[in-house]
């Protein structure tokens, strides 16, 4: 359903906790040994706070291992990826800031689930 707040993806789930003009807050759960696509956003920046688990975060050409109580800023337009390195679910809170927060503001560069359109 369009109005539901919980969304399933091949890598796990996300829950839209709050959305108002200019910002959105999500709970993201990434399954063990899974990762999101290598991607960027034209219209938003993101702040990620790890709540549980062990993450490998890629931002531009840097990779950072993160655990609970650590956070990182993803600038608007930066190529980035989130990966679960652990054997349990990775849980994080994402705060998006920008003038457009739609799910179609994703440009994918690599994807484990064949979600990059052919050209």
PDB file of N, CA and C in Angstrom:
ATOM      1  N   UNK A   1       0.828  -1.198   0.000  1.00  0.00           N
ATOM      2  CA  UNK A   1       0.000   0.000   0.000  1.00  0.00           C
ATOM      3  C   UNK A   1       0.865   1.252   0.000  1.00  0.00           C
ATOM      4  N   UNK A   2       0.415   2.264  -0.665  1.00  0.00           N
ATOM      5  CA  UNK A   2       1.153   3.513  -0.799  1.00  0.00           C
ATOM      6  C   UNK A   2       1.333   4.230   0.539  1.00  0.00           C
ATOM      7  N   UNK A   3       0.344   4.155   1.433  1.00  0.00           N
ATOM      8  CA  UNK A   3       0.393   4.908   2.682  1.00  0.00           C
ATOM      9  C   UNK A   3       1.082   4.172   3.824  1.00  0.00           C
ATOM     10  N   UNK A   4       1.515   2.948   3.589  1.00  0.00           N
ATOM     11  CA  UNK A   4       2.206   2.210   4.642  1.00  0.00           C
ATOM     12  C   UNK A   4       3.546   2.864   4.931  1.00  0.00           C
ATOM     13  N   UNK A   5       4.037   2.683   6.159  1.00  0.00           N
ATOM     14  CA  UNK A   5       5.305   3.272   6.551  1.00  0.00           C
ATOM     15  C   UNK A   5       6.462   2.287   6.520  1.00  0.00           C
ATOM     16  N   UNK A   6       6.180   0.969   6.487  1.00  0.00           N
ATOM     17  CA  UNK A   6       7.223  -0.050   6.467  1.00  0.00           C
ATOM     18  C   UNK A   6       7.382  -0.577   5.049  1.00  0.00           C
ATOM     19  N   UNK A   7       8.625  -0.571   4.557  1.00  0.00           N
ATOM     20  CA  UNK A   7       8.897  -0.991   3.186  1.00  0.00           C
ATOM     21  C   UNK A   7       9.953  -2.076   3.189  1.00  0.00           C
ATOM     22  N   UNK A   8       9.708  -3.155   2.437  1.00  0.00           N
ATOM     23  CA  UNK A   8      10.670  -4.247   2.316  1.00  0.00           C
ATOM     24  C   UNK A   8      11.513  -4.044   1.069  1.00  0.00           C
ATOM     25  N   UNK A   9      12.785  -4.351   1.209  1.00  0.00           N
ATOM     26  CA  UNK A   9      13.734  -4.291   0.114  1.00  0.00           C
ATOM     27  C   UNK A   9      14.534  -5.589   0.134  1.00  0.00           C
ATOM     28  N   UNK A  10      15.269  -5.911  -0.940  1.00  0.00           N
ATOM     29  CA  UNK A  10      16.038  -7.170  -0.943  1.00  0.00           C
ATOM     30  C   UNK A  10      17.072  -7.233   0.182  1.00  0.00           C
ATOM     31  N   UNK A  11      17.573  -6.109   0.624  1.00  0.00           N
ATOM     32  CA  UNK A  11      18.607  -6.044   1.666  1.00  0.00           C
ATOM     33  C   UNK A  11      18.038  -5.959   3.073  1.00  0.00           C
ATOM     34  N   UNK A  12      16.723  -5.732   3.235  1.00  0.00           N
ATOM     35  CA  UNK A  12      16.117  -5.592   4.563  1.00  0.00           C
ATOM     36  C   UNK A  12      14.854  -4.756   4.511  1.00  0.00           C
ATOM     37  N   UNK A  13      14.690  -3.833   5.485  1.00  0.00           N
ATOM     38  CA  UNK A  13      13.483  -3.000   5.542  1.00  0.00           C
ATOM     39  C   UNK A  13      13.854  -1.576   5.954  1.00  0.00           C
ATOM     40  N   UNK A  14      12.914  -0.659   5.669  1.00  0.00           N
ATOM     41  CA  UNK A  14      13.016   0.670   6.269  1.00  0.00           C
ATOM     42  C   UNK A  14      11.630   1.122   6.679  1.00  0.00           C
ATOM     43  N   UNK A  15      11.603   1.949   7.706  1.00  0.00           N
ATOM     44  CA  UNK A  15      10.372   2.450   8.293  1.00  0.00           C
ATOM     45  C   UNK A  15      10.437   3.970   8.304  1.00  0.00           C
ATOM     46  N   UNK A  16       9.463   4.618   7.679  1.00  0.00           N
ATOM     47  CA  UNK A  16       9.390   6.080   7.699  1.00  0.00           C
ATOM     48  C   UNK A  16       8.760   6.513   9.020  1.00  0.00           C
ATOM     49  N   UNK A  17       9.588   6.977   9.939  1.00  0.00           N
ATOM     50  CA  UNK A  17       9.121   7.350  11.272  1.00  0.00           C
ATOM     51  C   UNK A  17       8.478   8.730  11.291  1.00  0.00           C
ATOM     52  N   UNK A  18       9.018   9.659  10.511  1.00  0.00           N
ATOM     53  CA  UNK A  18       8.521  11.032  10.526  1.00  0.00           C
ATOM     54  C   UNK A  18       8.935  11.723   9.245  1.00  0.00           C
ATOM     55  N   UNK A  19       8.017  12.461   8.646  1.00  0.00           N
ATOM     56  CA  UNK A  19       8.349  13.262   7.471  1.00  0.00           C
ATOM     57  C   UNK A  19       7.611  14.584   7.533  1.00  0.00           C
ATOM     58  N   UNK A  20       8.367  15.657   7.381  1.00  0.00           N
ATOM     59  CA  UNK A  20       7.826  17.005   7.319  1.00  0.00           C
ATOM     60  C   UNK A  20       8.587  17.734   6.223  1.00  0.00           C
ATOM     61  N   UNK A  21       8.111  18.889   5.779  1.00  0.00           N
ATOM     62  CA  UNK A  21       8.834  19.602   4.724  1.00  0.00           C
ATOM     63  C   UNK A  21      10.293  19.840   5.121  1.00  0.00           C
ATOM     64  N   UNK A  22      11.201  19.376   4.260  1.00  0.00           N
ATOM     65  CA  UNK A  22      12.621  19.602   4.476  1.00  0.00           C
ATOM     66  C   UNK A  22      13.369  18.500   5.191  1.00  0.00           C
ATOM     67  N   UNK A  23      12.648  17.549   5.838  1.00  0.00           N
ATOM     68  CA  UNK A  23      13.360  16.446   6.489  1.00  0.00           C
ATOM     69  C   UNK A  23      12.487  15.200   6.618  1.00  0.00           C
ATOM     70  N   UNK A  24      13.185  14.049   6.703  1.00  0.00           N
ATOM     71  CA  UNK A  24      12.545  12.748   6.899  1.00  0.00           C
ATOM     72  C   UNK A  24      13.435  11.936   7.826  1.00  0.00           C
ATOM     73  N   UNK A  25      12.806  11.153   8.720  1.00  0.00           N
ATOM     74  CA  UNK A  25      13.537  10.274   9.630  1.00  0.00           C
ATOM     75  C   UNK A  25      13.106   8.835   9.360  1.00  0.00           C
ATOM     76  N   UNK A  26      14.100   7.951   9.154  1.00  0.00           N
ATOM     77  CA  UNK A  26      13.840   6.540   8.863  1.00  0.00           C
ATOM     78  C   UNK A  26      14.583   5.639   9.843  1.00  0.00           C
ATOM     79  N   UNK A  27      13.989   4.488  10.105  1.00  0.00           N
ATOM     80  CA  UNK A  27      14.695   3.386  10.754  1.00  0.00           C
ATOM     81  C   UNK A  27      15.028   2.399   9.638  1.00  0.00           C
ATOM     82  N   UNK A  28      16.308   2.071   9.497  1.00  0.00           N
ATOM     83  CA  UNK A  28      16.752   1.154   8.447  1.00  0.00           C
ATOM     84  C   UNK A  28      17.306  -0.108   9.102  1.00  0.00           C
ATOM     85  N   UNK A  29      16.862  -1.274   8.608  1.00  0.00           N
ATOM     86  CA  UNK A  29      17.344  -2.565   9.096  1.00  0.00           C
ATOM     87  C   UNK A  29      17.939  -3.313   7.897  1.00  0.00           C
ATOM     88  N   UNK A  30      19.238  -3.631   7.989  1.00  0.00           N
ATOM     89  CA  UNK A  30      19.938  -4.331   6.919  1.00  0.00           C
ATOM     90  C   UNK A  30      20.256  -5.749   7.392  1.00  0.00           C
ATOM     91  N   UNK A  31      19.833  -6.730   6.609  1.00  0.00           N
ATOM     92  CA  UNK A  31      20.069  -8.133   6.949  1.00  0.00           C
ATOM     93  C   UNK A  31      21.559  -8.458   6.938  1.00  0.00           C
ATOM     94  N   UNK A  32      21.964  -9.498   7.702  1.00  0.00           N
ATOM     95  CA  UNK A  32      23.371  -9.903   7.697  1.00  0.00           C
ATOM     96  C   UNK A  32      23.873 -10.188   6.273  1.00  0.00           C
ATOM     97  N   UNK A  33      25.113  -9.804   6.018  1.00  0.00           N
ATOM     98  CA  UNK A  33      25.768 -10.023   4.721  1.00  0.00           C
ATOM     99  C   UNK A  33      25.038  -9.359   3.554  1.00  0.00           C
ATOM    100  N   UNK A  34      24.318  -8.292   3.828  1.00  0.00           N
ATOM    101  CA  UNK A  34      23.616  -7.556   2.779  1.00  0.00           C
ATOM    102  C   UNK A  34      24.116  -6.129   2.717  1.00  0.00           C
ATOM    103  N   UNK A  35      23.874  -5.488   1.581  1.00  0.00           N
ATOM    104  CA  UNK A  35      24.263  -4.091   1.433  1.00  0.00           C
ATOM    105  C   UNK A  35      23.324  -3.388   0.473  1.00  0.00           C
ATOM    106  N   UNK A  36      23.238  -2.091   0.643  1.00  0.00           N
ATOM    107  CA  UNK A  36      22.451  -1.251  -0.243  1.00  0.00           C
ATOM    108  C   UNK A  36      23.273  -0.970  -1.495  1.00  0.00           C
ATOM    109  N   UNK A  37      22.638  -0.421  -2.506  1.00  0.00           N
ATOM    110  CA  UNK A  37      23.359  -0.083  -3.725  1.00  0.00           C
ATOM    111  C   UNK A  37      24.341   1.047  -3.469  1.00  0.00           C
ATOM    112  N   UNK A  38      25.375   1.115  -4.299  1.00  0.00           N
ATOM    113  CA  UNK A  38      26.269   2.265  -4.318  1.00  0.00           C
ATOM    114  C   UNK A  38      25.489   3.353  -5.035  1.00  0.00           C
ATOM    115  N   UNK A  39      25.240   4.477  -4.355  1.00  0.00           N
ATOM    116  CA  UNK A  39      24.273   5.443  -4.853  1.00  0.00           C
ATOM    117  C   UNK A  39      24.619   6.865  -4.465  1.00  0.00           C
ATOM    118  N   UNK A  40      23.881   7.795  -5.058  1.00  0.00           N
ATOM    119  CA  UNK A  40      23.964   9.202  -4.668  1.00  0.00           C
ATOM    120  C   UNK A  40      22.570   9.815  -4.769  1.00  0.00           C
ATOM    121  N   UNK A  41      22.434  11.016  -4.192  1.00  0.00           N
ATOM    122  CA  UNK A  41      21.166  11.752  -4.209  1.00  0.00           C
ATOM    123  C   UNK A  41      21.435  13.185  -4.659  1.00  0.00           C
ATOM    124  N   UNK A  42      20.592  13.686  -5.528  1.00  0.00           N
ATOM    125  CA  UNK A  42      20.733  15.047  -6.038  1.00  0.00           C
ATOM    126  C   UNK A  42      20.176  16.069  -5.049  1.00  0.00           C
ATOM    127  N   UNK A  43      19.103  15.706  -4.347  1.00  0.00           N
ATOM    128  CA  UNK A  43      18.332  16.684  -3.580  1.00  0.00           C
ATOM    129  C   UNK A  43      18.467  16.600  -2.068  1.00  0.00           C
ATOM    130  N   UNK A  44      19.250  15.663  -1.547  1.00  0.00           N
ATOM    131  CA  UNK A  44      19.289  15.537  -0.087  1.00  0.00           C
ATOM    132  C   UNK A  44      20.653  15.111   0.427  1.00  0.00           C
ATOM    133  N   UNK A  45      20.895  15.462   1.676  1.00  0.00           N
ATOM    134  CA  UNK A  45      22.021  14.927   2.450  1.00  0.00           C
ATOM    135  C   UNK A  45      21.422  13.955   3.465  1.00  0.00           C
ATOM    136  N   UNK A  46      22.284  13.133   4.068  1.00  0.00           N
ATOM    137  CA  UNK A  46      21.813  12.157   5.046  1.00  0.00           C
ATOM    138  C   UNK A  46      22.771  12.098   6.227  1.00  0.00           C
ATOM    139  N   UNK A  47      22.212  11.832   7.396  1.00  0.00           N
ATOM    140  CA  UNK A  47      22.970  11.581   8.616  1.00  0.00           C
ATOM    141  C   UNK A  47      22.588  10.173   9.066  1.00  0.00           C
ATOM    142  N   UNK A  48      23.573   9.316   9.282  1.00  0.00           N
ATOM    143  CA  UNK A  48      23.324   7.945   9.709  1.00  0.00           C
ATOM    144  C   UNK A  48      23.874   7.737  11.115  1.00  0.00           C
ATOM    145  N   UNK A  49      23.040   7.183  11.997  1.00  0.00           N
ATOM    146  CA  UNK A  49      23.455   6.820  13.351  1.00  0.00           C
ATOM    147  C   UNK A  49      23.257   5.317  13.507  1.00  0.00           C
ATOM    148  N   UNK A  50      24.332   4.599  13.806  1.00  0.00           N
ATOM    149  CA  UNK A  50      24.228   3.161  14.016  1.00  0.00           C
ATOM    150  C   UNK A  50      23.660   2.917  15.414  1.00  0.00           C
ATOM    151  N   UNK A  51      22.608   2.125  15.484  1.00  0.00           N
ATOM    152  CA  UNK A  51      21.950   1.787  16.744  1.00  0.00           C
ATOM    153  C   UNK A  51      22.384   0.400  17.223  1.00  0.00           C
ATOM    154  N   UNK A  52      22.524  -0.532  16.267  1.00  0.00           N
ATOM    155  CA  UNK A  52      22.889  -1.906  16.619  1.00  0.00           C
ATOM    156  C   UNK A  52      23.593  -2.547  15.430  1.00  0.00           C
ATOM    157  N   UNK A  53      24.636  -3.314  15.720  1.00  0.00           N
ATOM    158  CA  UNK A  53      25.318  -4.057  14.667  1.00  0.00           C
ATOM    159  C   UNK A  53      26.616  -3.404  14.233  1.00  0.00           C
ATOM    160  N   UNK A  54      27.164  -3.955  13.150  1.00  0.00           N
ATOM    161  CA  UNK A  54      28.445  -3.484  12.615  1.00  0.00           C
ATOM    162  C   UNK A  54      28.274  -3.143  11.144  1.00  0.00           C
ATOM    163  N   UNK A  55      28.577  -1.895  10.794  1.00  0.00           N
ATOM    164  CA  UNK A  55      28.388  -1.398   9.433  1.00  0.00           C
ATOM    165  C   UNK A  55      29.713  -1.085   8.769  1.00  0.00           C
ATOM    166  N   UNK A  56      29.722  -1.240   7.458  1.00  0.00           N
ATOM    167  CA  UNK A  56      30.787  -0.690   6.636  1.00  0.00           C
ATOM    168  C   UNK A  56      30.131   0.392   5.787  1.00  0.00           C
ATOM    169  N   UNK A  57      30.563   1.628   5.967  1.00  0.00           N
ATOM    170  CA  UNK A  57      29.985   2.762   5.254  1.00  0.00           C
ATOM    171  C   UNK A  57      31.015   3.269   4.253  1.00  0.00           C
ATOM    172  N   UNK A  58      30.589   3.403   3.021  1.00  0.00           N
ATOM    173  CA  UNK A  58      31.415   3.982   1.968  1.00  0.00           C
ATOM    174  C   UNK A  58      30.868   5.359   1.658  1.00  0.00           C
ATOM    175  N   UNK A  59      31.749   6.375   1.696  1.00  0.00           N
ATOM    176  CA  UNK A  59      31.391   7.734   1.284  1.00  0.00           C
ATOM    177  C   UNK A  59      32.525   8.217   0.391  1.00  0.00           C
ATOM    178  N   UNK A  60      32.193   8.462  -0.869  1.00  0.00           N
ATOM    179  CA  UNK A  60      33.191   8.831  -1.873  1.00  0.00           C
ATOM    180  C   UNK A  60      34.239   7.721  -1.923  1.00  0.00           C
ATOM    181  N   UNK A  61      35.502   8.032  -1.670  1.00  0.00           N
ATOM    182  CA  UNK A  61      36.557   7.022  -1.752  1.00  0.00           C
ATOM    183  C   UNK A  61      37.001   6.514  -0.380  1.00  0.00           C
ATOM    184  N   UNK A  62      36.213   6.787   0.667  1.00  0.00           N
ATOM    185  CA  UNK A  62      36.558   6.347   2.025  1.00  0.00           C
ATOM    186  C   UNK A  62      35.622   5.242   2.480  1.00  0.00           C
ATOM    187  N   UNK A  63      36.164   4.283   3.228  1.00  0.00           N
ATOM    188  CA  UNK A  63      35.369   3.244   3.878  1.00  0.00           C
ATOM    189  C   UNK A  63      35.598   3.357   5.377  1.00  0.00           C
ATOM    190  N   UNK A  64      34.500   3.322   6.145  1.00  0.00           N
ATOM    191  CA  UNK A  64      34.569   3.461   7.593  1.00  0.00           C
ATOM    192  C   UNK A  64      33.754   2.338   8.230  1.00  0.00           C
ATOM    193  N   UNK A  65      34.382   1.611   9.180  1.00  0.00           N
ATOM    194  CA  UNK A  65      33.651   0.621   9.969  1.00  0.00           C
ATOM    195  C   UNK A  65      33.014   1.347  11.138  1.00  0.00           C
ATOM    196  N   UNK A  66      31.740   1.039  11.397  1.00  0.00           N
ATOM    197  CA  UNK A  66      31.005   1.717  12.462  1.00  0.00           C
ATOM    198  C   UNK A  66      30.233   0.695  13.292  1.00  0.00           C
ATOM    199  N   UNK A  67      30.074   1.008  14.579  1.00  0.00           N
ATOM    200  CA  UNK A  67      29.261   0.193  15.479  1.00  0.00           C
ATOM    201  C   UNK A  67      28.300   1.122  16.221  1.00  0.00           C
ATOM    202  N   UNK A  68      27.524   0.546  17.123  1.00  0.00           N
ATOM    203  CA  UNK A  68      26.501   1.295  17.856  1.00  0.00           C
ATOM    204  C   UNK A  68      27.062   2.567  18.471  1.00  0.00           C
ATOM    205  N   UNK A  69      26.284   3.632  18.405  1.00  0.00           N
ATOM    206  CA  UNK A  69      26.591   4.934  18.984  1.00  0.00           C
ATOM    207  C   UNK A  69      27.591   5.735  18.148  1.00  0.00           C
ATOM    208  N   UNK A  70      27.781   5.337  16.889  1.00  0.00           N
ATOM    209  CA  UNK A  70      28.624   6.115  15.982  1.00  0.00           C
ATOM    210  C   UNK A  70      27.745   6.667  14.863  1.00  0.00           C
ATOM    211  N   UNK A  71      28.179   7.778  14.273  1.00  0.00           N
ATOM    212  CA  UNK A  71      27.379   8.419  13.233  1.00  0.00           C
ATOM    213  C   UNK A  71      28.275   8.979  12.145  1.00  0.00           C
ATOM    214  N   UNK A  72      27.649   9.237  10.972  1.00  0.00           N
ATOM    215  CA  UNK A  72      28.384   9.778   9.823  1.00  0.00           C
ATOM    216  C   UNK A  72      27.451  10.665   9.013  1.00  0.00           C
ATOM    217  N   UNK A  73      28.035  11.658   8.378  1.00  0.00           N
ATOM    218  CA  UNK A  73      27.309  12.590   7.512  1.00  0.00           C
ATOM    219  C   UNK A  73      27.581  12.233   6.059  1.00  0.00           C
ATOM    220  N   UNK A  74      26.518  12.145   5.262  1.00  0.00           N
ATOM    221  CA  UNK A  74      26.614  11.871   3.826  1.00  0.00           C
ATOM    222  C   UNK A  74      26.208  13.154   3.093  1.00  0.00           C
ATOM    223  N   UNK A  75      27.167  13.921   2.552  1.00  0.00           N
ATOM    224  CA  UNK A  75      26.809  15.173   1.873  1.00  0.00           C
ATOM    225  C   UNK A  75      25.965  14.932   0.620  1.00  0.00           C
ATOM    226  N   UNK A  76      25.145  15.891   0.299  1.00  0.00           N
ATOM    227  CA  UNK A  76      24.324  15.850  -0.910  1.00  0.00           C
ATOM    228  C   UNK A  76      25.231  15.617  -2.119  1.00  0.00           C
ATOM    229  N   UNK A  77      24.850  14.662  -2.974  1.00  0.00           N
ATOM    230  CA  UNK A  77      25.615  14.366  -4.185  1.00  0.00           C
ATOM    231  C   UNK A  77      26.738  13.368  -4.004  1.00  0.00           C
ATOM    232  N   UNK A  78      27.086  12.996  -2.758  1.00  0.00           N
ATOM    233  CA  UNK A  78      28.185  12.055  -2.515  1.00  0.00           C
ATOM    234  C   UNK A  78      27.763  10.625  -2.848  1.00  0.00           C
ATOM    235  N   UNK A  79      28.669   9.898  -3.482  1.00  0.00           N
ATOM    236  CA  UNK A  79      28.435   8.477  -3.743  1.00  0.00           C
ATOM    237  C   UNK A  79      28.674   7.733  -2.428  1.00  0.00           C
ATOM    238  N   UNK A  80      27.713   6.883  -2.059  1.00  0.00           N
ATOM    239  CA  UNK A  80      27.791   6.212  -0.764  1.00  0.00           C
ATOM    240  C   UNK A  80      27.115   4.844  -0.792  1.00  0.00           C
ATOM    241  N   UNK A  81      27.433   4.044   0.245  1.00  0.00           N
ATOM    242  CA  UNK A  81      26.849   2.704   0.380  1.00  0.00           C
ATOM    243  C   UNK A  81      26.875   2.308   1.847  1.00  0.00           C
ATOM    244  N   UNK A  82      25.901   1.489   2.239  1.00  0.00           N
ATOM    245  CA  UNK A  82      25.804   0.929   3.586  1.00  0.00           C
ATOM    246  C   UNK A  82      25.817  -0.584   3.475  1.00  0.00           C
ATOM    247  N   UNK A  83      26.659  -1.233   4.299  1.00  0.00           N
ATOM    248  CA  UNK A  83      26.774  -2.689   4.279  1.00  0.00           C
ATOM    249  C   UNK A  83      26.769  -3.226   5.702  1.00  0.00           C
ATOM    250  N   UNK A  84      26.075  -4.348   5.910  1.00  0.00           N
ATOM    251  CA  UNK A  84      26.081  -5.030   7.207  1.00  0.00           C
ATOM    252  C   UNK A  84      27.234  -6.021   7.228  1.00  0.00           C
ATOM    253  N   UNK A  85      28.183  -5.817   8.137  1.00  0.00           N
ATOM    254  CA  UNK A  85      29.329  -6.717   8.276  1.00  0.00           C
ATOM    255  C   UNK A  85      29.093  -7.832   9.284  1.00  0.00           C
ATOM    256  N   UNK A  86      28.028  -7.716  10.073  1.00  0.00           N
ATOM    257  CA  UNK A  86      27.815  -8.644  11.175  1.00  0.00           C
ATOM    258  C   UNK A  86      26.942  -9.835  10.840  1.00  0.00           C
ATOM    259  N   UNK A  87      26.682 -10.633  11.895  1.00  0.00           N
ATOM    260  CA  UNK A  87      25.853 -11.841  11.776  1.00  0.00           C
ATOM    261  C   UNK A  87      24.446 -11.616  12.311  1.00  0.00           C
ATOM    262  N   UNK A  88      24.131 -10.375  12.683  1.00  0.00           N
ATOM    263  CA  UNK A  88      22.789 -10.010  13.130  1.00  0.00           C
ATOM    264  C   UNK A  88      22.351  -8.773  12.355  1.00  0.00           C
ATOM    265  N   UNK A  89      21.091  -8.412  12.485  1.00  0.00           N
ATOM    266  CA  UNK A  89      20.595  -7.239  11.779  1.00  0.00           C
ATOM    267  C   UNK A  89      21.381  -5.987  12.164  1.00  0.00           C
ATOM    268  N   UNK A  90      21.652  -5.155  11.169  1.00  0.00           N
ATOM    269  CA  UNK A  90      22.218  -3.829  11.377  1.00  0.00           C
ATOM    270  C   UNK A  90      21.049  -2.857  11.456  1.00  0.00           C
ATOM    271  N   UNK A  91      20.979  -2.065  12.511  1.00  0.00           N
ATOM    272  CA  UNK A  91      19.891  -1.101  12.680  1.00  0.00           C
ATOM    273  C   UNK A  91      20.489   0.291  12.759  1.00  0.00           C
ATOM    274  N   UNK A  92      19.946   1.207  11.962  1.00  0.00           N
ATOM    275  CA  UNK A  92      20.388   2.583  12.058  1.00  0.00           C
ATOM    276  C   UNK A  92      19.230   3.534  11.865  1.00  0.00           C
ATOM    277  N   UNK A  93      19.442   4.761  12.312  1.00  0.00           N
ATOM    278  CA  UNK A  93      18.491   5.844  12.109  1.00  0.00           C
ATOM    279  C   UNK A  93      19.097   6.756  11.047  1.00  0.00           C
ATOM    280  N   UNK A  94      18.279   7.093  10.056  1.00  0.00           N
ATOM    281  CA  UNK A  94      18.703   7.981   8.983  1.00  0.00           C
ATOM    282  C   UNK A  94      17.879   9.258   9.046  1.00  0.00           C
ATOM    283  N   UNK A  95      18.558  10.393   9.037  1.00  0.00           N
ATOM    284  CA  UNK A  95      17.880  11.685   8.938  1.00  0.00           C
ATOM    285  C   UNK A  95      18.245  12.270   7.578  1.00  0.00           C
ATOM    286  N   UNK A  96      17.227  12.491   6.760  1.00  0.00           N
ATOM    287  CA  UNK A  96      17.416  13.094   5.439  1.00  0.00           C
ATOM    288  C   UNK A  96      17.052  14.572   5.528  1.00  0.00           C
ATOM    289  N   UNK A  97      17.861  15.418   4.896  1.00  0.00           N
ATOM    290  CA  UNK A  97      17.587  16.851   4.829  1.00  0.00           C
ATOM    291  C   UNK A  97      17.677  17.297   3.379  1.00  0.00           C
ATOM    292  N   UNK A  98      16.654  18.022   2.908  1.00  0.00           N
ATOM    293  CA  UNK A  98      16.693  18.504   1.533  1.00  0.00           C
ATOM    294  C   UNK A  98      15.364  19.036   1.068  1.00  0.00           C
ATOM    295  N   UNK A  99      15.370  19.575  -0.134  1.00  0.00           N
ATOM    296  CA  UNK A  99      14.151  20.157  -0.686  1.00  0.00           C
ATOM    297  C   UNK A  99      13.259  19.131  -1.367  1.00  0.00           C
ATOM    298  N   UNK A 100      13.768  17.919  -1.606  1.00  0.00           N
ATOM    299  CA  UNK A 100      12.974  16.831  -2.171  1.00  0.00           C
ATOM    300  C   UNK A 100      13.475  15.533  -1.562  1.00  0.00           C
ATOM    301  N   UNK A 101      12.561  14.735  -0.992  1.00  0.00           N
ATOM    302  CA  UNK A 101      12.947  13.533  -0.249  1.00  0.00           C
ATOM    303  C   UNK A 101      12.331  12.259  -0.820  1.00  0.00           C
ATOM    304  N   UNK A 102      11.926  12.288  -2.074  1.00  0.00           N
ATOM    305  CA  UNK A 102      11.299  11.128  -2.700  1.00  0.00           C
ATOM    306  C   UNK A 102      12.274   9.985  -2.915  1.00  0.00           C
ATOM    307  N   UNK A 103      11.754   8.755  -2.914  1.00  0.00           N
ATOM    308  CA  UNK A 103      12.578   7.567  -3.112  1.00  0.00           C
ATOM    309  C   UNK A 103      13.144   7.491  -4.533  1.00  0.00           C
ATOM    310  N   UNK A 104      12.613   8.287  -5.456  1.00  0.00           N
ATOM    311  CA  UNK A 104      13.149   8.279  -6.819  1.00  0.00           C
ATOM    312  C   UNK A 104      14.379   9.178  -6.967  1.00  0.00           C
ATOM    313  N   UNK A 105      14.823   9.821  -5.887  1.00  0.00           N
ATOM    314  CA  UNK A 105      16.054  10.607  -5.906  1.00  0.00           C
ATOM    315  C   UNK A 105      17.240   9.718  -5.539  1.00  0.00           C
ATOM    316  N   UNK A 106      17.367   8.614  -6.277  1.00  0.00           N
ATOM    317  CA  UNK A 106      18.477   7.682  -6.072  1.00  0.00           C
ATOM    318  C   UNK A 106      19.093   7.400  -7.438  1.00  0.00           C
ATOM    319  N   UNK A 107      20.372   7.702  -7.572  1.00  0.00           N
ATOM    320  CA  UNK A 107      21.122   7.286  -8.756  1.00  0.00           C
ATOM    321  C   UNK A 107      22.018   6.143  -8.317  1.00  0.00           C
ATOM    322  N   UNK A 108      21.810   4.959  -8.912  1.00  0.00           N
ATOM    323  CA  UNK A 108      22.580   3.776  -8.542  1.00  0.00           C
ATOM    324  C   UNK A 108      23.761   3.584  -9.484  1.00  0.00           C
ATOM    325  N   UNK A 109      24.920   3.227  -8.904  1.00  0.00           N
ATOM    326  CA  UNK A 109      26.131   2.977  -9.670  1.00  0.00           C
ATOM    327  C   UNK A 109      26.478   1.491  -9.684  1.00  0.00           C
ATOM    328  N   UNK A 110      26.210   0.805  -8.562  1.00  0.00           N
ATOM    329  CA  UNK A 110      26.370  -0.648  -8.449  1.00  0.00           C
ATOM    330  C   UNK A 110      25.217  -1.147  -7.601  1.00  0.00           C
ATOM    331  N   UNK A 111      24.729  -2.345  -7.914  1.00  0.00           N
ATOM    332  CA  UNK A 111      23.612  -2.892  -7.149  1.00  0.00           C
ATOM    333  C   UNK A 111      23.638  -4.412  -7.204  1.00  0.00           C
ATOM    334  N   UNK A 112      23.539  -5.042  -6.046  1.00  0.00           N
ATOM    335  CA  UNK A 112      23.553  -6.507  -5.956  1.00  0.00           C
ATOM    336  C   UNK A 112      22.230  -7.133  -6.401  1.00  0.00           C
ATOM    337  N   UNK A 113      21.204  -6.321  -6.616  1.00  0.00           N
ATOM    338  CA  UNK A 113      19.847  -6.833  -6.865  1.00  0.00           C
ATOM    339  C   UNK A 113      19.320  -6.429  -8.235  1.00  0.00           C
ATOM    340  N   UNK A 114      20.213  -6.081  -9.159  1.00  0.00           N
ATOM    341  CA  UNK A 114      19.852  -5.760 -10.540  1.00  0.00           C
ATOM    342  C   UNK A 114      18.810  -4.662 -10.666  1.00  0.00           C
ATOM    343  N   UNK A 115      18.975  -3.582  -9.876  1.00  0.00           N
ATOM    344  CA  UNK A 115      18.023  -2.480  -9.934  1.00  0.00           C
ATOM    345  C   UNK A 115      18.571  -1.268 -10.693  1.00  0.00           C
ATOM    346  N   UNK A 116      19.600  -1.472 -11.502  1.00  0.00           N
ATOM    347  CA  UNK A 116      20.120  -0.384 -12.326  1.00  0.00           C
ATOM    348  C   UNK A 116      19.508  -0.529 -13.712  1.00  0.00           C
ATOM    349  N   UNK A 117      18.781   0.515 -14.181  1.00  0.00           N
ATOM    350  CA  UNK A 117      18.173   0.419 -15.513  1.00  0.00           C
ATOM    351  C   UNK A 117      19.241   0.282 -16.605  1.00  0.00           C
ATOM    352  N   UNK A 118      18.954  -0.535 -17.625  1.00  0.00           N
ATOM    353  CA  UNK A 118      19.899  -0.653 -18.742  1.00  0.00           C
ATOM    354  C   UNK A 118      19.805   0.596 -19.621  1.00  0.00           C
ATOM    355  N   UNK A 119      20.935   0.934 -20.194  1.00  0.00           N
ATOM    356  CA  UNK A 119      20.955   2.137 -21.047  1.00  0.00           C
ATOM    357  C   UNK A 119      20.973   1.777 -22.503  1.00  0.00           C
TER     358      UNK A 119
END
